[in-house]
Amino acid sequence: MMLAADVQRGMTRRLGADPAYANRFAKNPASSRWRTGWFAAKPYELRYLLDALDRKDIRPASRRIEVAGISRNVDPFNALRAYAYANVRTAKRKGNSGGWMERLIAEAQIINAQYAMPLPASELRGIAKSVGKWTWKRFDDAKFAEIQSKRQVRSAAKRRASTLSRIEALIEG
């Protein structure tokens, strides 16, 4: 996914394209109702497109955040959901779902202000509403404890495998 985002960011910069374009087809190119075709003998591979770009093209934004995901809404959504995961349990203890939504909308506006091409307020409210409803419904202290427990088990298994690998290397070497 990062390669696709790098190529998209680089091509957008190199071609002076609209960074807020949502990358969605208006018509289905596979449908027999539309006349479509490739302008090249075959589709380009992402690595081939990356070769045409230099480091300046694909570098992350230094100041105001540029869209880095595959879609204009992906980056604000991901930032807001991370905020929601970290804060929903505290909000639920206070028991005010309306206040939770207002808090998420305010946080979404803060996140949105960082982008060179901010989302419209209506899209931002939709993202905040989606994240807010999902986290309020599905995230609580018990769920968090369950997630942490699973992470701990996976982490311990990785550490154990790493230790065994090092021991085997010492025995063999």
N, C-alpha and C. Protein backbone atom coordinates (compact mmCIF):
# COMPACT_ATOMS: atom_id res chain seq x y z
N MET A 1 0.82 -1.18 0.00
CA MET A 1 0.00 0.00 0.00
C MET A 1 0.87 1.26 0.00
N MET A 2 2.02 1.22 0.70
CA MET A 2 2.89 2.38 0.76
C MET A 2 3.49 2.68 -0.61
N LEU A 3 3.81 1.65 -1.39
CA LEU A 3 4.34 1.85 -2.73
C LEU A 3 3.32 2.57 -3.59
N ALA A 4 2.07 2.15 -3.51
CA ALA A 4 1.01 2.81 -4.30
C ALA A 4 0.86 4.26 -3.87
N ALA A 5 0.92 4.54 -2.58
CA ALA A 5 0.81 5.92 -2.09
C ALA A 5 2.00 6.76 -2.56
N ASP A 6 3.22 6.17 -2.53
CA ASP A 6 4.41 6.89 -3.00
C ASP A 6 4.28 7.23 -4.48
N VAL A 7 3.87 6.26 -5.29
CA VAL A 7 3.72 6.49 -6.73
C VAL A 7 2.64 7.54 -6.98
N GLN A 8 1.52 7.42 -6.28
CA GLN A 8 0.44 8.39 -6.47
C GLN A 8 0.89 9.80 -6.10
N ARG A 9 1.56 9.93 -4.95
CA ARG A 9 2.04 11.24 -4.50
C ARG A 9 3.05 11.80 -5.51
N GLY A 10 3.97 10.95 -5.98
CA GLY A 10 4.99 11.38 -6.94
C GLY A 10 4.39 11.79 -8.27
N MET A 11 3.47 11.00 -8.78
CA MET A 11 2.84 11.33 -10.07
C MET A 11 2.00 12.60 -9.94
N THR A 12 1.34 12.75 -8.81
CA THR A 12 0.54 13.96 -8.59
C THR A 12 1.43 15.19 -8.62
N ARG A 13 2.57 15.12 -7.93
CA ARG A 13 3.50 16.25 -7.93
C ARG A 13 4.10 16.48 -9.31
N ARG A 14 4.59 15.42 -9.92
CA ARG A 14 5.28 15.55 -11.20
C ARG A 14 4.36 16.11 -12.28
N LEU A 15 3.10 15.68 -12.28
CA LEU A 15 2.16 16.11 -13.32
C LEU A 15 1.37 17.36 -12.92
N GLY A 16 1.55 17.82 -11.70
CA GLY A 16 0.79 18.99 -11.24
C GLY A 16 -0.70 18.67 -11.15
N ALA A 17 -1.03 17.44 -10.78
CA ALA A 17 -2.42 16.99 -10.74
C ALA A 17 -3.11 17.44 -9.45
N ASP A 18 -4.41 17.29 -9.42
CA ASP A 18 -5.22 17.65 -8.26
C ASP A 18 -5.01 16.61 -7.16
N PRO A 19 -4.39 16.96 -6.03
CA PRO A 19 -4.15 15.98 -4.97
C PRO A 19 -5.43 15.53 -4.28
N ALA A 20 -6.52 16.24 -4.49
CA ALA A 20 -7.78 15.88 -3.85
C ALA A 20 -8.65 14.98 -4.73
N TYR A 21 -8.18 14.62 -5.93
CA TYR A 21 -8.96 13.75 -6.80
C TYR A 21 -9.15 12.41 -6.11
N ALA A 22 -10.37 11.91 -6.12
CA ALA A 22 -10.71 10.71 -5.34
C ALA A 22 -10.35 9.40 -6.04
N ASN A 23 -9.85 9.43 -7.26
CA ASN A 23 -9.38 8.24 -7.97
C ASN A 23 -10.48 7.20 -8.19
N ARG A 24 -11.63 7.65 -8.49
CA ARG A 24 -12.73 6.72 -8.75
C ARG A 24 -13.18 6.84 -10.19
N PHE A 25 -13.45 5.71 -10.81
CA PHE A 25 -13.96 5.71 -12.18
C PHE A 25 -15.41 6.15 -12.19
N ALA A 26 -15.79 6.90 -13.19
CA ALA A 26 -17.19 7.29 -13.32
C ALA A 26 -17.98 6.18 -14.00
N LYS A 27 -17.29 5.38 -14.79
CA LYS A 27 -17.94 4.28 -15.49
C LYS A 27 -17.08 3.03 -15.32
N ASN A 28 -17.71 1.90 -15.40
CA ASN A 28 -17.01 0.63 -15.25
C ASN A 28 -16.29 0.30 -16.55
N PRO A 29 -14.95 0.31 -16.57
CA PRO A 29 -14.24 0.04 -17.82
C PRO A 29 -14.38 -1.41 -18.30
N ALA A 30 -14.84 -2.30 -17.43
CA ALA A 30 -15.02 -3.70 -17.83
C ALA A 30 -16.39 -3.94 -18.46
N SER A 31 -17.27 -2.95 -18.41
CA SER A 31 -18.62 -3.11 -18.96
C SER A 31 -18.60 -3.04 -20.48
N SER A 32 -19.43 -3.85 -21.11
CA SER A 32 -19.52 -3.83 -22.58
C SER A 32 -20.24 -2.57 -23.07
N ARG A 33 -20.85 -1.82 -22.18
CA ARG A 33 -21.57 -0.60 -22.56
C ARG A 33 -20.63 0.57 -22.83
N TRP A 34 -19.37 0.46 -22.40
CA TRP A 34 -18.44 1.58 -22.56
C TRP A 34 -17.25 1.16 -23.40
N ARG A 35 -16.81 2.04 -24.25
CA ARG A 35 -15.65 1.78 -25.08
C ARG A 35 -14.41 2.24 -24.32
N THR A 36 -13.61 1.30 -23.89
CA THR A 36 -12.40 1.63 -23.13
C THR A 36 -11.22 0.89 -23.73
N GLY A 37 -10.05 1.32 -23.38
CA GLY A 37 -8.85 0.64 -23.86
C GLY A 37 -7.63 1.17 -23.16
N TRP A 38 -6.55 0.43 -23.28
CA TRP A 38 -5.28 0.83 -22.70
C TRP A 38 -4.55 1.71 -23.71
N PHE A 39 -3.88 2.72 -23.24
CA PHE A 39 -3.11 3.58 -24.13
C PHE A 39 -1.70 3.04 -24.31
N ALA A 40 -1.35 2.05 -23.55
CA ALA A 40 -0.05 1.41 -23.67
C ALA A 40 -0.30 -0.06 -24.04
N ALA A 41 0.76 -0.73 -24.46
CA ALA A 41 0.61 -2.13 -24.85
C ALA A 41 0.15 -3.00 -23.68
N LYS A 42 0.52 -2.60 -22.48
CA LYS A 42 0.10 -3.34 -21.29
C LYS A 42 0.06 -2.36 -20.11
N PRO A 43 -0.63 -2.71 -19.04
CA PRO A 43 -0.67 -1.82 -17.87
C PRO A 43 0.73 -1.64 -17.27
N TYR A 44 0.96 -0.49 -16.69
CA TYR A 44 2.24 -0.23 -16.04
C TYR A 44 2.26 -0.86 -14.66
N GLU A 45 3.42 -1.37 -14.27
CA GLU A 45 3.63 -1.87 -12.91
C GLU A 45 4.00 -0.66 -12.04
N LEU A 46 3.66 -0.71 -10.77
CA LEU A 46 3.96 0.41 -9.88
C LEU A 46 5.46 0.69 -9.82
N ARG A 47 6.28 -0.36 -9.78
CA ARG A 47 7.73 -0.15 -9.71
C ARG A 47 8.27 0.55 -10.96
N TYR A 48 7.66 0.26 -12.11
CA TYR A 48 8.06 0.94 -13.35
C TYR A 48 7.73 2.43 -13.24
N LEU A 49 6.56 2.74 -12.73
CA LEU A 49 6.17 4.15 -12.57
C LEU A 49 7.06 4.84 -11.54
N LEU A 50 7.43 4.11 -10.49
CA LEU A 50 8.31 4.67 -9.46
C LEU A 50 9.67 5.03 -10.05
N ASP A 51 10.15 4.24 -11.01
CA ASP A 51 11.45 4.51 -11.63
C ASP A 51 11.47 5.86 -12.35
N ALA A 52 10.31 6.35 -12.79
CA ALA A 52 10.24 7.61 -13.50
C ALA A 52 10.25 8.81 -12.56
N LEU A 53 10.20 8.56 -11.26
CA LEU A 53 10.13 9.63 -10.27
C LEU A 53 11.45 9.76 -9.52
N ASP A 54 11.71 10.94 -8.98
CA ASP A 54 12.90 11.08 -8.14
C ASP A 54 12.47 11.27 -6.69
N ARG A 55 13.46 11.34 -5.81
CA ARG A 55 13.17 11.43 -4.38
C ARG A 55 12.31 12.64 -4.03
N LYS A 56 12.54 13.74 -4.72
CA LYS A 56 11.79 14.96 -4.45
C LYS A 56 10.30 14.75 -4.74
N ASP A 57 10.00 13.95 -5.75
CA ASP A 57 8.60 13.69 -6.10
C ASP A 57 7.87 12.90 -5.03
N ILE A 58 8.54 11.90 -4.46
CA ILE A 58 7.84 10.98 -3.55
C ILE A 58 8.05 11.30 -2.08
N ARG A 59 8.84 12.33 -1.78
CA ARG A 59 9.09 12.66 -0.38
C ARG A 59 7.79 13.02 0.33
N PRO A 60 7.69 12.66 1.61
CA PRO A 60 6.52 13.07 2.39
C PRO A 60 6.50 14.60 2.53
N ALA A 61 5.35 15.16 2.74
CA ALA A 61 5.21 16.60 2.89
C ALA A 61 5.98 17.07 4.12
N SER A 62 6.61 18.22 4.03
CA SER A 62 7.39 18.70 5.15
C SER A 62 6.57 19.58 6.10
N ARG A 63 5.60 20.32 5.59
CA ARG A 63 4.83 21.21 6.45
C ARG A 63 3.37 20.81 6.47
N ARG A 64 2.54 21.45 5.68
CA ARG A 64 1.13 21.08 5.66
C ARG A 64 1.02 19.70 5.06
N ILE A 65 0.23 18.86 5.65
CA ILE A 65 0.13 17.47 5.24
C ILE A 65 -0.59 17.36 3.90
N GLU A 66 0.03 16.60 3.00
CA GLU A 66 -0.61 16.30 1.74
C GLU A 66 -1.31 14.96 1.88
N VAL A 67 -2.27 14.72 1.02
CA VAL A 67 -2.94 13.43 1.03
C VAL A 67 -1.91 12.36 0.72
N ALA A 68 -1.78 11.34 1.58
CA ALA A 68 -0.78 10.31 1.38
C ALA A 68 -1.39 8.95 1.12
N GLY A 69 -2.66 8.81 1.31
CA GLY A 69 -3.32 7.52 1.11
C GLY A 69 -3.83 7.38 -0.30
N ILE A 70 -4.52 6.31 -0.56
CA ILE A 70 -5.06 6.05 -1.88
C ILE A 70 -6.29 6.91 -2.13
N SER A 71 -6.96 7.34 -1.11
CA SER A 71 -8.13 8.17 -1.26
C SER A 71 -8.00 9.40 -0.37
N ARG A 72 -8.63 10.45 -0.78
CA ARG A 72 -8.57 11.71 -0.05
C ARG A 72 -9.08 11.57 1.38
N ASN A 73 -10.00 10.68 1.63
CA ASN A 73 -10.60 10.53 2.96
C ASN A 73 -9.85 9.55 3.86
N VAL A 74 -8.94 8.77 3.30
CA VAL A 74 -8.29 7.71 4.07
C VAL A 74 -7.42 8.25 5.20
N ASP A 75 -6.59 9.22 4.92
CA ASP A 75 -5.66 9.72 5.94
C ASP A 75 -6.39 10.38 7.11
N PRO A 76 -7.35 11.30 6.86
CA PRO A 76 -8.09 11.86 8.01
C PRO A 76 -8.85 10.78 8.78
N PHE A 77 -9.42 9.81 8.07
CA PHE A 77 -10.14 8.72 8.73
C PHE A 77 -9.21 7.96 9.66
N ASN A 78 -8.03 7.58 9.16
CA ASN A 78 -7.08 6.81 9.98
C ASN A 78 -6.61 7.60 11.19
N ALA A 79 -6.35 8.90 11.01
CA ALA A 79 -5.92 9.72 12.15
C ALA A 79 -7.04 9.84 13.18
N LEU A 80 -8.27 10.01 12.72
CA LEU A 80 -9.39 10.16 13.64
C LEU A 80 -9.70 8.86 14.37
N ARG A 81 -9.60 7.74 13.67
CA ARG A 81 -9.90 6.47 14.34
C ARG A 81 -8.85 6.16 15.40
N ALA A 82 -7.59 6.50 15.15
CA ALA A 82 -6.55 6.31 16.16
C ALA A 82 -6.86 7.16 17.40
N TYR A 83 -7.29 8.38 17.17
CA TYR A 83 -7.69 9.25 18.28
C TYR A 83 -8.87 8.64 19.03
N ALA A 84 -9.85 8.14 18.28
CA ALA A 84 -11.06 7.56 18.89
C ALA A 84 -10.73 6.34 19.73
N TYR A 85 -9.89 5.45 19.22
CA TYR A 85 -9.52 4.25 19.98
C TYR A 85 -8.89 4.64 21.32
N ALA A 86 -8.07 5.69 21.28
CA ALA A 86 -7.36 6.09 22.49
C ALA A 86 -8.26 6.81 23.51
N ASN A 87 -9.39 7.35 23.05
CA ASN A 87 -10.19 8.19 23.93
C ASN A 87 -11.61 7.72 24.21
N VAL A 88 -12.10 6.73 23.48
CA VAL A 88 -13.51 6.34 23.63
C VAL A 88 -13.81 5.75 25.00
N ARG A 89 -12.90 5.03 25.59
CA ARG A 89 -13.18 4.41 26.90
C ARG A 89 -13.41 5.47 27.97
N THR A 90 -12.62 6.54 27.93
CA THR A 90 -12.81 7.64 28.89
C THR A 90 -14.16 8.31 28.66
N ALA A 91 -14.51 8.54 27.41
CA ALA A 91 -15.80 9.17 27.09
C ALA A 91 -16.96 8.29 27.52
N LYS A 92 -16.83 6.99 27.33
CA LYS A 92 -17.92 6.08 27.72
C LYS A 92 -18.13 6.06 29.23
N ARG A 93 -17.04 6.21 29.97
CA ARG A 93 -17.17 6.25 31.43
C ARG A 93 -18.01 7.46 31.87
N LYS A 94 -17.94 8.53 31.07
CA LYS A 94 -18.74 9.72 31.36
C LYS A 94 -20.17 9.55 30.87
N GLY A 95 -20.39 8.58 29.95
CA GLY A 95 -21.73 8.22 29.49
C GLY A 95 -22.44 9.23 28.61
N ASN A 96 -21.70 10.02 27.86
CA ASN A 96 -22.32 11.04 27.04
C ASN A 96 -21.97 10.84 25.58
N SER A 97 -22.81 10.12 24.84
CA SER A 97 -22.50 9.84 23.43
C SER A 97 -22.58 11.10 22.58
N GLY A 98 -23.46 12.03 22.92
CA GLY A 98 -23.55 13.29 22.17
C GLY A 98 -22.28 14.10 22.29
N GLY A 99 -21.76 14.17 23.50
CA GLY A 99 -20.50 14.86 23.73
C GLY A 99 -19.35 14.18 23.00
N TRP A 100 -19.43 12.86 22.89
CA TRP A 100 -18.41 12.10 22.17
C TRP A 100 -18.39 12.50 20.69
N MET A 101 -19.56 12.60 20.09
CA MET A 101 -19.63 12.99 18.68
C MET A 101 -19.11 14.41 18.48
N GLU A 102 -19.47 15.31 19.36
CA GLU A 102 -18.98 16.70 19.26
C GLU A 102 -17.46 16.73 19.39
N ARG A 103 -16.94 15.93 20.30
CA ARG A 103 -15.49 15.86 20.50
C ARG A 103 -14.78 15.33 19.26
N LEU A 104 -15.36 14.29 18.64
CA LEU A 104 -14.75 13.73 17.43
C LEU A 104 -14.81 14.71 16.26
N ILE A 105 -15.92 15.41 16.13
CA ILE A 105 -16.03 16.41 15.05
C ILE A 105 -14.98 17.50 15.25
N ALA A 106 -14.80 17.94 16.49
CA ALA A 106 -13.78 18.96 16.79
C ALA A 106 -12.38 18.44 16.47
N GLU A 107 -12.10 17.20 16.85
CA GLU A 107 -10.80 16.60 16.55
C GLU A 107 -10.61 16.43 15.04
N ALA A 108 -11.67 16.04 14.34
CA ALA A 108 -11.60 15.89 12.89
C ALA A 108 -11.28 17.24 12.23
N GLN A 109 -11.82 18.31 12.75
CA GLN A 109 -11.53 19.64 12.21
C GLN A 109 -10.06 20.01 12.43
N ILE A 110 -9.53 19.65 13.58
CA ILE A 110 -8.11 19.90 13.86
C ILE A 110 -7.24 19.11 12.89
N ILE A 111 -7.58 17.83 12.71
CA ILE A 111 -6.83 16.98 11.77
C ILE A 111 -6.93 17.54 10.36
N ASN A 112 -8.13 17.91 9.96
CA ASN A 112 -8.39 18.41 8.60
C ASN A 112 -7.61 19.69 8.30
N ALA A 113 -7.45 20.54 9.31
CA ALA A 113 -6.75 21.82 9.12
C ALA A 113 -5.29 21.63 8.75
N GLN A 114 -4.73 20.44 8.99
CA GLN A 114 -3.33 20.16 8.69
C GLN A 114 -3.09 19.89 7.21
N TYR A 115 -4.15 19.62 6.47
CA TYR A 115 -4.01 19.21 5.08
C TYR A 115 -4.01 20.40 4.13
N ALA A 116 -3.19 20.31 3.10
CA ALA A 116 -3.12 21.37 2.10
C ALA A 116 -4.45 21.52 1.38
N MET A 117 -5.18 20.44 1.18
CA MET A 117 -6.49 20.46 0.53
C MET A 117 -7.49 19.84 1.51
N PRO A 118 -8.00 20.61 2.48
CA PRO A 118 -8.90 20.05 3.49
C PRO A 118 -10.20 19.52 2.89
N LEU A 119 -10.79 18.57 3.57
CA LEU A 119 -12.08 18.03 3.16
C LEU A 119 -13.18 19.03 3.49
N PRO A 120 -14.29 18.99 2.73
CA PRO A 120 -15.43 19.84 3.08
C PRO A 120 -16.00 19.41 4.43
N ALA A 121 -16.66 20.34 5.13
CA ALA A 121 -17.20 20.08 6.45
C ALA A 121 -18.18 18.91 6.45
N SER A 122 -18.98 18.77 5.39
CA SER A 122 -19.97 17.68 5.34
C SER A 122 -19.29 16.31 5.29
N GLU A 123 -18.21 16.19 4.52
CA GLU A 123 -17.48 14.91 4.46
C GLU A 123 -16.81 14.62 5.80
N LEU A 124 -16.28 15.65 6.41
CA LEU A 124 -15.62 15.51 7.69
C LEU A 124 -16.60 15.04 8.77
N ARG A 125 -17.79 15.64 8.79
CA ARG A 125 -18.81 15.20 9.75
C ARG A 125 -19.19 13.74 9.51
N GLY A 126 -19.28 13.34 8.24
CA GLY A 126 -19.60 11.94 7.92
C GLY A 126 -18.55 10.98 8.43
N ILE A 127 -17.28 11.34 8.27
CA ILE A 127 -16.19 10.51 8.78
C ILE A 127 -16.26 10.44 10.31
N ALA A 128 -16.44 11.59 10.95
CA ALA A 128 -16.50 11.63 12.42
C ALA A 128 -17.68 10.81 12.93
N LYS A 129 -18.81 10.91 12.26
CA LYS A 129 -20.01 10.16 12.67
C LYS A 129 -19.77 8.66 12.55
N SER A 130 -19.16 8.26 11.45
CA SER A 130 -18.88 6.84 11.23
C SER A 130 -17.93 6.30 12.29
N VAL A 131 -16.82 6.99 12.51
CA VAL A 131 -15.84 6.57 13.51
C VAL A 131 -16.47 6.59 14.90
N GLY A 132 -17.20 7.63 15.21
CA GLY A 132 -17.81 7.78 16.53
C GLY A 132 -18.81 6.68 16.85
N LYS A 133 -19.70 6.40 15.90
CA LYS A 133 -20.71 5.35 16.13
C LYS A 133 -20.04 3.99 16.31
N TRP A 134 -19.08 3.67 15.44
CA TRP A 134 -18.42 2.36 15.50
C TRP A 134 -17.69 2.18 16.82
N THR A 135 -16.89 3.18 17.19
CA THR A 135 -16.10 3.02 18.42
C THR A 135 -17.00 3.02 19.65
N TRP A 136 -18.05 3.83 19.65
CA TRP A 136 -18.95 3.88 20.80
C TRP A 136 -19.65 2.53 20.99
N LYS A 137 -20.04 1.93 19.88
CA LYS A 137 -20.78 0.67 19.94
C LYS A 137 -19.88 -0.52 20.27
N ARG A 138 -18.67 -0.53 19.76
CA ARG A 138 -17.85 -1.75 19.80
C ARG A 138 -16.60 -1.68 20.67
N PHE A 139 -16.34 -0.57 21.29
CA PHE A 139 -15.08 -0.43 22.04
C PHE A 139 -15.39 -0.07 23.48
N ASP A 140 -14.93 -0.88 24.42
CA ASP A 140 -15.10 -0.61 25.85
C ASP A 140 -13.93 -1.21 26.60
N ASP A 141 -13.96 -1.11 27.91
CA ASP A 141 -12.84 -1.62 28.72
C ASP A 141 -12.62 -3.12 28.51
N ALA A 142 -13.71 -3.89 28.42
CA ALA A 142 -13.58 -5.34 28.24
C ALA A 142 -12.97 -5.65 26.87
N LYS A 143 -13.44 -4.96 25.84
CA LYS A 143 -12.91 -5.18 24.48
C LYS A 143 -11.43 -4.79 24.43
N PHE A 144 -11.09 -3.67 25.06
CA PHE A 144 -9.71 -3.22 25.08
C PHE A 144 -8.82 -4.25 25.78
N ALA A 145 -9.29 -4.79 26.90
CA ALA A 145 -8.52 -5.81 27.63
C ALA A 145 -8.32 -7.06 26.77
N GLU A 146 -9.36 -7.43 26.01
CA GLU A 146 -9.27 -8.59 25.12
C GLU A 146 -8.23 -8.34 24.02
N ILE A 147 -8.26 -7.16 23.43
CA ILE A 147 -7.29 -6.81 22.38
C ILE A 147 -5.88 -6.82 22.93
N GLN A 148 -5.69 -6.22 24.10
CA GLN A 148 -4.37 -6.17 24.71
C GLN A 148 -3.86 -7.58 25.04
N SER A 149 -4.75 -8.44 25.50
CA SER A 149 -4.38 -9.81 25.81
C SER A 149 -3.90 -10.55 24.56
N LYS A 150 -4.64 -10.39 23.47
CA LYS A 150 -4.23 -11.04 22.21
C LYS A 150 -2.90 -10.50 21.72
N ARG A 151 -2.69 -9.19 21.84
CA ARG A 151 -1.41 -8.59 21.44
C ARG A 151 -0.27 -9.15 22.29
N GLN A 152 -0.54 -9.31 23.58
CA GLN A 152 0.48 -9.83 24.49
C GLN A 152 0.86 -11.26 24.12
N VAL A 153 -0.13 -12.09 23.78
CA VAL A 153 0.12 -13.47 23.39
C VAL A 153 0.96 -13.50 22.11
N ARG A 154 0.58 -12.66 21.11
CA ARG A 154 1.34 -12.62 19.84
C ARG A 154 2.77 -12.15 20.07
N SER A 155 2.92 -11.13 20.92
CA SER A 155 4.25 -10.59 21.21
C SER A 155 5.12 -11.64 21.91
N ALA A 156 4.55 -12.35 22.85
CA ALA A 156 5.30 -13.39 23.56
C ALA A 156 5.72 -14.49 22.59
N ALA A 157 4.83 -14.86 21.68
CA ALA A 157 5.16 -15.90 20.70
C ALA A 157 6.30 -15.44 19.79
N LYS A 158 6.30 -14.18 19.39
CA LYS A 158 7.38 -13.65 18.55
C LYS A 158 8.71 -13.65 19.31
N ARG A 159 8.65 -13.21 20.57
CA ARG A 159 9.88 -13.19 21.37
C ARG A 159 10.42 -14.59 21.56
N ARG A 160 9.53 -15.54 21.81
CA ARG A 160 9.94 -16.94 22.00
C ARG A 160 10.59 -17.47 20.72
N ALA A 161 9.97 -17.20 19.56
CA ALA A 161 10.51 -17.67 18.28
C ALA A 161 11.87 -17.03 18.01
N SER A 162 12.01 -15.76 18.33
CA SER A 162 13.28 -15.07 18.13
C SER A 162 14.37 -15.66 19.02
N THR A 163 14.03 -15.92 20.27
CA THR A 163 14.99 -16.51 21.21
C THR A 163 15.42 -17.90 20.74
N LEU A 164 14.44 -18.71 20.33
CA LEU A 164 14.76 -20.05 19.83
C LEU A 164 15.66 -19.98 18.61
N SER A 165 15.38 -19.02 17.72
CA SER A 165 16.20 -18.86 16.52
C SER A 165 17.63 -18.50 16.87
N ARG A 166 17.81 -17.61 17.84
CA ARG A 166 19.16 -17.23 18.26
C ARG A 166 19.88 -18.39 18.92
N ILE A 167 19.16 -19.18 19.72
CA ILE A 167 19.77 -20.35 20.37
C ILE A 167 20.20 -21.36 19.33
N GLU A 168 19.36 -21.62 18.34
CA GLU A 168 19.70 -22.56 17.27
C GLU A 168 20.91 -22.08 16.49
N ALA A 169 20.99 -20.78 16.23
CA ALA A 169 22.13 -20.23 15.50
C ALA A 169 23.42 -20.40 16.31
N LEU A 170 23.33 -20.21 17.63
CA LEU A 170 24.50 -20.41 18.48
C LEU A 170 24.94 -21.86 18.51
N ILE A 171 24.00 -22.76 18.55
CA ILE A 171 24.31 -24.20 18.59
C ILE A 171 24.95 -24.63 17.28
N GLU A 172 24.39 -24.15 16.16
CA GLU A 172 24.90 -24.54 14.84
C GLU A 172 26.23 -23.85 14.53
N GLY A 173 26.40 -22.63 15.03
CA GLY A 173 27.57 -21.83 14.64
C GLY A 173 28.67 -21.94 15.58
